[in-house]
């Protein structure tokens, strides 16, 4: 009876003891994850800083396109107020309102095109740099690494994971940044 109680106590102690890698080292699995997160965060900021002018130009053009998108309904309201007999700030003829709406729409489209062009281009440069960095690292590995790991997995990581990173740096922030202007 006493031995059963001792076994239970030892099992409880094992469950409560922190698990570590390498048989008693001070860094556990949680610590390794923290180091990976900080490494990725540093890499993320490195590429944000490296291509900062592209990101700034893309965000500014996104703000401009969203702002011009907000001008069109205001112009339409002014046109309706003018012709319904209400008070309008502009009191333009109908053709001028139509031309202004078309002009604003064209400027909005140009800003939106170049914002997406610049942001997507910057994300492709990040993907290009990361892919070159990945392959340069693969070239430094020993042949035993390639015997342990399947080549298909390495190629899949180079394509799928780096495409996800490109999505993070490029098309993903575009819809997130536009509503911030509203």
Foldseek 3Di string as FASTA:
>chain_A
DVVVVVVVVVVVVVVPDADDPPPDDPDRPVNVVVVVVVVVVVLVVVLCVVLVVLLVLLLVLLLLLLVLVVVLVVLVVLVVCLVVVHDHPPNDPPVVSVVSNVVSNVSSVVSNVSSQVSQLVSLVVSLVVVLVVLVVVVVVDDVVVCVVDPPVVSVCCNPVVSVVSSCVRHVVCSVVSNVVSD
